[in-house]
């Protein structure tokens, strides 16, 4: 399933990082995963919002704490805009409380910079979680539409419809049956 994501070209990645070298290390690691990507780096709230307005990203990676911006603020803004882009926090250090806050705000996972070699696994996890969520939402929407079409068909049928369950009890009667 991840190969489907990795095969897309290019994958648009937004990196929230205040150091160019840090962003380049992340990009190098993502390319090691086999991802062909186009990336942008931002370091302030304003740049982040401009980037989100300019392009649809497939993945957002954010340093936890920057001089002028934070991953939690980036997560909140992503949520405000209703974007369902996988979001991974990259940090020098991360306490359980910090991680919990990021997860509550919608982060898929986090990676410590000292363990950047785990970024491939984190991206796979984030994408698979996003894909499962997206597929579930789509299936629920399709089911709701199907149920609505069924309801309309039964309610507007010009002939009587009676549905009897296995126990012999009547479970459904449409209005044409009552006429």
Foldseek 3Di string as FASTA:
>chain_A
DVVVVQVDPAAEEEEADPDPVLVVVLVVLVVVLNHHYDYDYHHAPVVLVVVVVPDQHQEYEYEQDDPHDGLLRSLQVCVVVVHLHAYEYEYCDADPVRQVSNVVSPHQYYYYPVVSNCVSVSVVSSVVVSVVVVVVVVVVVVVVVVVVVVVVCQQPPCAWDWDADPVRHTDDTYPNPVD
